[in-house]
Amino acid sequence: ALSTMTRREMRAYDKAGAVANEVISNIRTVTSFNAQYAEVVRYRDRLNYAQKIGIKGVLITGIFMGFYIFVIFGSMGFVFWYGTNLVTEGKITPGTVFAVFWAIMIGAIHLGQAIPQLGVFTAAKLAAGEIFEIIDLEPNINCMSPHGLIPSHVEGRIELNNINFWYPSRPNVKILHNTSFTVNAGSTVALVGHSGCGKSTIIELLLRFYEQQAGIVSFIPI
């Protein structure tokens, strides 16, 4: 539960930081639309949400620490009660009772000092987990794969033949529909159109950041 709360709190603060970064990076646009107060409210809402998660995490930690203290003092009482009975029966000496008592106390104290560090380890583990999640990601397009055609000579002629494409996150919005054109080597071509018509998408397909759903992108005649 503690690691889950820590993860949620970190992500909530990340979202708040993203809002601040977005606003500061586009401060002229925000000012031109007189949206300063709206952005302050949006940032405050993100922080309030992170604060609520943090309070829940602190409550969980407090409950755990309360239980820990209860166990310590309960163990002390049990050791003295049980030790007194054994001393009365002549099975052990009072020195043995105190030796066991201090062994338990010293161990419990050091354990209590280690418990607050669990949150630090959890936060570090979560932060590293996000990094290794990206490192271990296996992309659909493997640019390091030795398979495929490796041309000995490229003329620089680009052909797009019946390209159909939509972004995986928005499958209902088709960006390119049966798009075909040719760019000859040495020529200069301008892609002109309204926002969202696919200009940047074509460049991303040429760089193979994405794979088209249908059609062929080629740099040599096929």
C-alpha atoms as a PDB file:
ATOM      1  CA  ALA A   1       0.000   0.000   0.000  1.00  0.00           C
ATOM      2  CA  LEU A   2       2.835   2.401   0.820  1.00  0.00           C
ATOM      3  CA  SER A   3       4.564   1.831  -2.521  1.00  0.00           C
ATOM      4  CA  THR A   4       1.259   2.328  -4.352  1.00  0.00           C
ATOM      5  CA  MET A   5       0.650   5.631  -2.576  1.00  0.00           C
ATOM      6  CA  THR A   6       4.206   6.762  -3.274  1.00  0.00           C
ATOM      7  CA  ARG A   7       3.797   5.905  -6.952  1.00  0.00           C
ATOM      8  CA  ARG A   8       0.511   7.785  -7.192  1.00  0.00           C
ATOM      9  CA  GLU A   9       1.954  10.791  -5.355  1.00  0.00           C
ATOM     10  CA  MET A  10       4.981  10.952  -7.662  1.00  0.00           C
ATOM     11  CA  ARG A  11       2.806  10.780 -10.759  1.00  0.00           C
ATOM     12  CA  ALA A  12       0.495  13.467  -9.393  1.00  0.00           C
ATOM     13  CA  TYR A  13       3.427  15.800  -8.760  1.00  0.00           C
ATOM     14  CA  ASP A  14       4.770  14.985 -12.228  1.00  0.00           C
ATOM     15  CA  LYS A  15       1.474  16.142 -13.727  1.00  0.00           C
ATOM     16  CA  ALA A  16       1.600  19.341 -11.684  1.00  0.00           C
ATOM     17  CA  GLY A  17       5.157  19.948 -12.837  1.00  0.00           C
ATOM     18  CA  ALA A  18       4.104  19.343 -16.442  1.00  0.00           C
ATOM     19  CA  VAL A  19       1.431  22.040 -16.097  1.00  0.00           C
ATOM     20  CA  ALA A  20       3.971  24.522 -14.719  1.00  0.00           C
ATOM     21  CA  ASN A  21       6.456  23.691 -17.471  1.00  0.00           C
ATOM     22  CA  GLU A  22       3.782  24.033 -20.146  1.00  0.00           C
ATOM     23  CA  VAL A  23       2.626  27.416 -18.856  1.00  0.00           C
ATOM     24  CA  ILE A  24       6.126  28.838 -18.424  1.00  0.00           C
ATOM     25  CA  SER A  25       7.191  27.616 -21.870  1.00  0.00           C
ATOM     26  CA  ASN A  26       4.147  29.258 -23.457  1.00  0.00           C
ATOM     27  CA  ILE A  27       3.845  32.266 -21.173  1.00  0.00           C
ATOM     28  CA  ARG A  28       3.254  34.670 -24.078  1.00  0.00           C
ATOM     29  CA  THR A  29       0.307  32.645 -25.324  1.00  0.00           C
ATOM     30  CA  VAL A  30      -1.124  32.363 -21.809  1.00  0.00           C
ATOM     31  CA  THR A  31      -0.779  36.108 -21.290  1.00  0.00           C
ATOM     32  CA  SER A  32      -2.255  36.977 -24.683  1.00  0.00           C
ATOM     33  CA  PHE A  33      -5.393  35.003 -23.828  1.00  0.00           C
ATOM     34  CA  ASN A  34      -5.466  36.416 -20.281  1.00  0.00           C
ATOM     35  CA  ALA A  35      -5.475  32.859 -18.955  1.00  0.00           C
ATOM     36  CA  GLN A  36      -3.131  33.393 -16.012  1.00  0.00           C
ATOM     37  CA  TYR A  37      -5.781  32.792 -13.363  1.00  0.00           C
ATOM     38  CA  ALA A  38      -7.141  29.724 -15.156  1.00  0.00           C
ATOM     39  CA  GLU A  39      -3.658  28.205 -15.313  1.00  0.00           C
ATOM     40  CA  VAL A  40      -3.049  28.995 -11.643  1.00  0.00           C
ATOM     41  CA  VAL A  41      -6.278  27.182 -10.784  1.00  0.00           C
ATOM     42  CA  ARG A  42      -5.281  24.221 -12.968  1.00  0.00           C
ATOM     43  CA  TYR A  43      -1.867  24.027 -11.296  1.00  0.00           C
ATOM     44  CA  ARG A  44      -3.420  24.366  -7.834  1.00  0.00           C
ATOM     45  CA  ASP A  45      -5.885  21.559  -8.568  1.00  0.00           C
ATOM     46  CA  ARG A  46      -3.017  19.264  -9.549  1.00  0.00           C
ATOM     47  CA  LEU A  47      -1.147  20.128  -6.352  1.00  0.00           C
ATOM     48  CA  ASN A  48      -4.252  19.629  -4.203  1.00  0.00           C
ATOM     49  CA  TYR A  49      -4.758  16.187  -5.710  1.00  0.00           C
ATOM     50  CA  ALA A  50      -1.116  15.304  -5.007  1.00  0.00           C
ATOM     51  CA  GLN A  51      -1.515  16.620  -1.458  1.00  0.00           C
ATOM     52  CA  LYS A  52      -4.542  14.393  -0.840  1.00  0.00           C
ATOM     53  CA  ILE A  53      -2.594  11.359  -1.987  1.00  0.00           C
ATOM     54  CA  GLY A  54       0.328  12.397   0.223  1.00  0.00           C
ATOM     55  CA  ILE A  55      -1.955  12.725   3.251  1.00  0.00           C
ATOM     56  CA  LYS A  56      -3.280   9.212   2.650  1.00  0.00           C
ATOM     57  CA  GLY A  57       0.288   7.935   2.459  1.00  0.00           C
ATOM     58  CA  VAL A  58       1.177   9.676   5.726  1.00  0.00           C
ATOM     59  CA  LEU A  59      -1.884   8.151   7.397  1.00  0.00           C
ATOM     60  CA  ILE A  60      -0.805   4.691   6.292  1.00  0.00           C
ATOM     61  CA  THR A  61       2.706   5.348   7.596  1.00  0.00           C
ATOM     62  CA  GLY A  62       1.269   6.657  10.882  1.00  0.00           C
ATOM     63  CA  ILE A  63      -0.892   3.572  11.349  1.00  0.00           C
ATOM     64  CA  PHE A  64       2.083   1.342  10.651  1.00  0.00           C
ATOM     65  CA  MET A  65       4.300   3.265  13.081  1.00  0.00           C
ATOM     66  CA  GLY A  66       1.568   3.177  15.729  1.00  0.00           C
ATOM     67  CA  PHE A  67       1.335  -0.583  15.354  1.00  0.00           C
ATOM     68  CA  TYR A  68       5.120  -0.781  15.548  1.00  0.00           C
ATOM     69  CA  ILE A  69       5.217   1.187  18.828  1.00  0.00           C
ATOM     70  CA  PHE A  70       2.393  -0.969  20.199  1.00  0.00           C
ATOM     71  CA  VAL A  71       4.385  -4.107  19.417  1.00  0.00           C
ATOM     72  CA  ILE A  72       7.481  -2.678  21.119  1.00  0.00           C
ATOM     73  CA  PHE A  73       5.750  -1.756  24.376  1.00  0.00           C
ATOM     74  CA  GLY A  74       3.636  -4.896  24.256  1.00  0.00           C
ATOM     75  CA  SER A  75       6.811  -6.953  23.916  1.00  0.00           C
ATOM     76  CA  MET A  76       8.339  -5.111  26.863  1.00  0.00           C
ATOM     77  CA  GLY A  77       5.353  -5.895  29.047  1.00  0.00           C
ATOM     78  CA  PHE A  78       5.280  -9.527  27.907  1.00  0.00           C
ATOM     79  CA  VAL A  79       9.015  -9.988  28.529  1.00  0.00           C
ATOM     80  CA  PHE A  80       8.797  -8.630  32.080  1.00  0.00           C
ATOM     81  CA  TRP A  81       5.623 -10.573  32.851  1.00  0.00           C
ATOM     82  CA  TYR A  82       6.870 -13.871  31.469  1.00  0.00           C
ATOM     83  CA  GLY A  83      10.388 -13.297  32.809  1.00  0.00           C
ATOM     84  CA  THR A  84       9.046 -12.602  36.289  1.00  0.00           C
ATOM     85  CA  ASN A  85       7.154 -15.904  36.224  1.00  0.00           C
ATOM     86  CA  LEU A  86      10.282 -17.775  35.145  1.00  0.00           C
ATOM     87  CA  VAL A  87      12.394 -16.056  37.828  1.00  0.00           C
ATOM     88  CA  THR A  88       9.755 -16.903  40.454  1.00  0.00           C
ATOM     89  CA  GLU A  89       9.876 -20.541  39.365  1.00  0.00           C
ATOM     90  CA  GLY A  90      13.669 -20.469  39.536  1.00  0.00           C
ATOM     91  CA  LYS A  91      14.177 -21.375  35.868  1.00  0.00           C
ATOM     92  CA  ILE A  92      16.205 -18.274  34.930  1.00  0.00           C
ATOM     93  CA  THR A  93      17.965 -15.422  36.671  1.00  0.00           C
ATOM     94  CA  PRO A  94      16.925 -11.738  36.640  1.00  0.00           C
ATOM     95  CA  GLY A  95      20.063 -10.985  34.605  1.00  0.00           C
ATOM     96  CA  THR A  96      18.810 -13.217  31.797  1.00  0.00           C
ATOM     97  CA  VAL A  97      15.504 -11.355  31.752  1.00  0.00           C
ATOM     98  CA  PHE A  98      17.262  -8.008  31.374  1.00  0.00           C
ATOM     99  CA  ALA A  99      19.604  -9.418  28.706  1.00  0.00           C
ATOM    100  CA  VAL A 100      16.644 -10.604  26.632  1.00  0.00           C
ATOM    101  CA  PHE A 101      14.823  -7.328  27.227  1.00  0.00           C
ATOM    102  CA  TRP A 102      17.703  -5.156  26.008  1.00  0.00           C
ATOM    103  CA  ALA A 103      18.334  -7.422  23.032  1.00  0.00           C
ATOM    104  CA  ILE A 104      14.718  -6.938  21.960  1.00  0.00           C
ATOM    105  CA  MET A 105      14.833  -3.195  22.644  1.00  0.00           C
ATOM    106  CA  ILE A 106      18.051  -2.550  20.694  1.00  0.00           C
ATOM    107  CA  GLY A 107      16.816  -4.622  17.761  1.00  0.00           C
ATOM    108  CA  ALA A 108      13.472  -2.816  17.765  1.00  0.00           C
ATOM    109  CA  ILE A 109      15.134   0.620  17.929  1.00  0.00           C
ATOM    110  CA  HIS A 110      17.338  -0.096  14.927  1.00  0.00           C
ATOM    111  CA  LEU A 111      14.381  -1.532  13.052  1.00  0.00           C
ATOM    112  CA  GLY A 112      12.440   1.642  13.804  1.00  0.00           C
ATOM    113  CA  GLN A 113      15.283   3.751  12.422  1.00  0.00           C
ATOM    114  CA  ALA A 114      15.267   1.709   9.224  1.00  0.00           C
ATOM    115  CA  ILE A 115      11.524   1.970   8.606  1.00  0.00           C
ATOM    116  CA  PRO A 116      11.493   5.663   7.503  1.00  0.00           C
ATOM    117  CA  GLN A 117      14.076   4.813   4.849  1.00  0.00           C
ATOM    118  CA  LEU A 118      11.663   2.423   3.177  1.00  0.00           C
ATOM    119  CA  GLY A 119       9.908   5.398   1.611  1.00  0.00           C
ATOM    120  CA  VAL A 120      13.206   6.599   0.129  1.00  0.00           C
ATOM    121  CA  PHE A 121      13.938   3.171  -1.334  1.00  0.00           C
ATOM    122  CA  THR A 122      10.407   2.957  -2.697  1.00  0.00           C
ATOM    123  CA  ALA A 123      10.668   6.365  -4.378  1.00  0.00           C
ATOM    124  CA  ALA A 124      14.045   5.449  -5.898  1.00  0.00           C
ATOM    125  CA  LYS A 125      12.682   2.126  -7.121  1.00  0.00           C
ATOM    126  CA  LEU A 126       9.693   3.785  -8.757  1.00  0.00           C
ATOM    127  CA  ALA A 127      11.839   6.460 -10.420  1.00  0.00           C
ATOM    128  CA  ALA A 128      14.263   3.859 -11.756  1.00  0.00           C
ATOM    129  CA  GLY A 129      11.351   1.664 -12.823  1.00  0.00           C
ATOM    130  CA  GLU A 130      10.064   4.340 -15.200  1.00  0.00           C
ATOM    131  CA  ILE A 131      13.530   4.685 -16.745  1.00  0.00           C
ATOM    132  CA  PHE A 132      14.025   0.945 -17.190  1.00  0.00           C
ATOM    133  CA  GLU A 133      10.511   0.650 -18.576  1.00  0.00           C
ATOM    134  CA  ILE A 134      11.637   2.868 -21.456  1.00  0.00           C
ATOM    135  CA  ILE A 135      15.006   1.092 -21.776  1.00  0.00           C
ATOM    136  CA  ASP A 136      13.368  -2.348 -21.908  1.00  0.00           C
ATOM    137  CA  LEU A 137      10.649  -1.226 -24.319  1.00  0.00           C
ATOM    138  CA  GLU A 138      10.596  -3.269 -27.520  1.00  0.00           C
ATOM    139  CA  PRO A 139       9.436  -0.944 -30.326  1.00  0.00           C
ATOM    140  CA  ASN A 140       7.316  -2.212 -33.186  1.00  0.00           C
ATOM    141  CA  ILE A 141       9.902  -0.790 -35.595  1.00  0.00           C
ATOM    142  CA  ASN A 142      13.357  -2.196 -34.869  1.00  0.00           C
ATOM    143  CA  CYS A 143      15.834   0.118 -36.585  1.00  0.00           C
ATOM    144  CA  MET A 144      18.725  -2.138 -35.513  1.00  0.00           C
ATOM    145  CA  SER A 145      17.338  -5.245 -37.209  1.00  0.00           C
ATOM    146  CA  PRO A 146      19.694  -6.806 -39.808  1.00  0.00           C
ATOM    147  CA  HIS A 147      16.742  -8.071 -41.836  1.00  0.00           C
ATOM    148  CA  GLY A 148      15.340  -6.297 -44.864  1.00  0.00           C
ATOM    149  CA  LEU A 149      16.681  -4.853 -48.099  1.00  0.00           C
ATOM    150  CA  ILE A 150      19.917  -2.865 -47.867  1.00  0.00           C
ATOM    151  CA  PRO A 151      20.407  -1.002 -51.172  1.00  0.00           C
ATOM    152  CA  SER A 152      23.932  -0.488 -52.421  1.00  0.00           C
ATOM    153  CA  HIS A 153      22.986   2.827 -54.010  1.00  0.00           C
ATOM    154  CA  VAL A 154      20.224   5.311 -53.204  1.00  0.00           C
ATOM    155  CA  GLU A 155      19.265   7.847 -55.849  1.00  0.00           C
ATOM    156  CA  GLY A 156      17.360  10.097 -53.453  1.00  0.00           C
ATOM    157  CA  ARG A 157      13.994   9.601 -55.142  1.00  0.00           C
ATOM    158  CA  ILE A 158      11.136   9.337 -52.639  1.00  0.00           C
ATOM    159  CA  GLU A 159       7.872   7.607 -53.481  1.00  0.00           C
ATOM    160  CA  LEU A 160       4.707   7.380 -51.409  1.00  0.00           C
ATOM    161  CA  ASN A 161       2.208   4.972 -52.896  1.00  0.00           C
ATOM    162  CA  ASN A 162      -1.386   4.756 -51.564  1.00  0.00           C
ATOM    163  CA  ILE A 163      -0.448   5.610 -47.985  1.00  0.00           C
ATOM    164  CA  ASN A 164      -3.115   5.170 -45.312  1.00  0.00           C
ATOM    165  CA  PHE A 165      -2.233   6.192 -41.801  1.00  0.00           C
ATOM    166  CA  TRP A 166      -3.774   7.031 -38.449  1.00  0.00           C
ATOM    167  CA  TYR A 167      -2.111   7.418 -35.083  1.00  0.00           C
ATOM    168  CA  PRO A 168      -2.472   4.454 -32.691  1.00  0.00           C
ATOM    169  CA  SER A 169      -3.862   6.748 -30.008  1.00  0.00           C
ATOM    170  CA  ARG A 170      -6.561   8.085 -32.384  1.00  0.00           C
ATOM    171  CA  PRO A 171      -7.600   5.228 -34.678  1.00  0.00           C
ATOM    172  CA  ASN A 172     -10.865   6.951 -35.635  1.00  0.00           C
ATOM    173  CA  VAL A 173      -9.070   9.975 -37.137  1.00  0.00           C
ATOM    174  CA  LYS A 174      -7.520   9.069 -40.487  1.00  0.00           C
ATOM    175  CA  ILE A 175      -4.623  11.422 -41.237  1.00  0.00           C
ATOM    176  CA  LEU A 176      -3.621  10.115 -44.678  1.00  0.00           C
ATOM    177  CA  HIS A 177      -5.990   8.402 -47.096  1.00  0.00           C
ATOM    178  CA  ASN A 178      -4.607   6.836 -50.290  1.00  0.00           C
ATOM    179  CA  THR A 179      -1.919   9.506 -50.440  1.00  0.00           C
ATOM    180  CA  SER A 180       0.558   9.171 -53.312  1.00  0.00           C
ATOM    181  CA  PHE A 181       3.268  11.457 -54.638  1.00  0.00           C
ATOM    182  CA  THR A 182       6.861  11.375 -55.828  1.00  0.00           C
ATOM    183  CA  VAL A 183       9.800  13.600 -54.967  1.00  0.00           C
ATOM    184  CA  ASN A 184      12.621  13.404 -57.496  1.00  0.00           C
ATOM    185  CA  ALA A 185      16.249  13.608 -56.464  1.00  0.00           C
ATOM    186  CA  GLY A 186      17.560  17.144 -56.229  1.00  0.00           C
ATOM    187  CA  SER A 187      14.131  18.770 -56.264  1.00  0.00           C
ATOM    188  CA  THR A 188      12.595  21.009 -53.614  1.00  0.00           C
ATOM    189  CA  VAL A 189       9.062  20.247 -52.461  1.00  0.00           C
ATOM    190  CA  ALA A 190       6.883  22.190 -50.035  1.00  0.00           C
ATOM    191  CA  LEU A 191       4.110  20.495 -48.071  1.00  0.00           C
ATOM    192  CA  VAL A 192       1.321  23.031 -47.632  1.00  0.00           C
ATOM    193  CA  GLY A 193      -2.002  22.571 -45.882  1.00  0.00           C
ATOM    194  CA  HIS A 194      -4.097  23.286 -42.846  1.00  0.00           C
ATOM    195  CA  SER A 195      -3.225  22.049 -39.387  1.00  0.00           C
ATOM    196  CA  GLY A 196      -3.761  18.315 -39.051  1.00  0.00           C
ATOM    197  CA  CYS A 197      -3.711  17.520 -42.774  1.00  0.00           C
ATOM    198  CA  GLY A 198      -0.641  15.280 -42.434  1.00  0.00           C
ATOM    199  CA  LYS A 199       2.390  17.429 -43.232  1.00  0.00           C
ATOM    200  CA  SER A 200       4.361  16.441 -40.141  1.00  0.00           C
ATOM    201  CA  THR A 201       3.014  12.902 -40.396  1.00  0.00           C
ATOM    202  CA  ILE A 202       4.596  12.450 -43.823  1.00  0.00           C
ATOM    203  CA  ILE A 203       7.985  13.505 -42.437  1.00  0.00           C
ATOM    204  CA  GLU A 204       7.564  11.104 -39.512  1.00  0.00           C
ATOM    205  CA  LEU A 205       6.773   8.276 -41.928  1.00  0.00           C
ATOM    206  CA  LEU A 206       9.869   9.103 -43.986  1.00  0.00           C
ATOM    207  CA  LEU A 207      11.955   8.977 -40.792  1.00  0.00           C
ATOM    208  CA  ARG A 208      10.064   5.807 -39.856  1.00  0.00           C
ATOM    209  CA  PHE A 209       8.969   7.036 -36.478  1.00  0.00           C
ATOM    210  CA  TYR A 210       5.673   5.315 -37.341  1.00  0.00           C
ATOM    211  CA  GLU A 211       4.592   2.514 -39.658  1.00  0.00           C
ATOM    212  CA  GLN A 212       1.807   3.185 -42.132  1.00  0.00           C
ATOM    213  CA  GLN A 213      -1.268   0.953 -41.945  1.00  0.00           C
ATOM    214  CA  ALA A 214      -1.324   0.534 -45.747  1.00  0.00           C
ATOM    215  CA  GLY A 215       0.785   1.597 -48.701  1.00  0.00           C
ATOM    216  CA  ILE A 216       4.494   1.784 -49.472  1.00  0.00           C
ATOM    217  CA  VAL A 217       7.145   4.373 -48.666  1.00  0.00           C
ATOM    218  CA  SER A 218      10.256   3.796 -50.775  1.00  0.00           C
ATOM    219  CA  PHE A 219      13.532   5.497 -51.583  1.00  0.00           C
ATOM    220  CA  ILE A 220      14.325   3.277 -54.568  1.00  0.00           C
ATOM    221  CA  PRO A 221      12.090   2.093 -57.432  1.00  0.00           C
ATOM    222  CA  ILE A 222      10.079  -1.021 -56.525  1.00  0.00           C
END
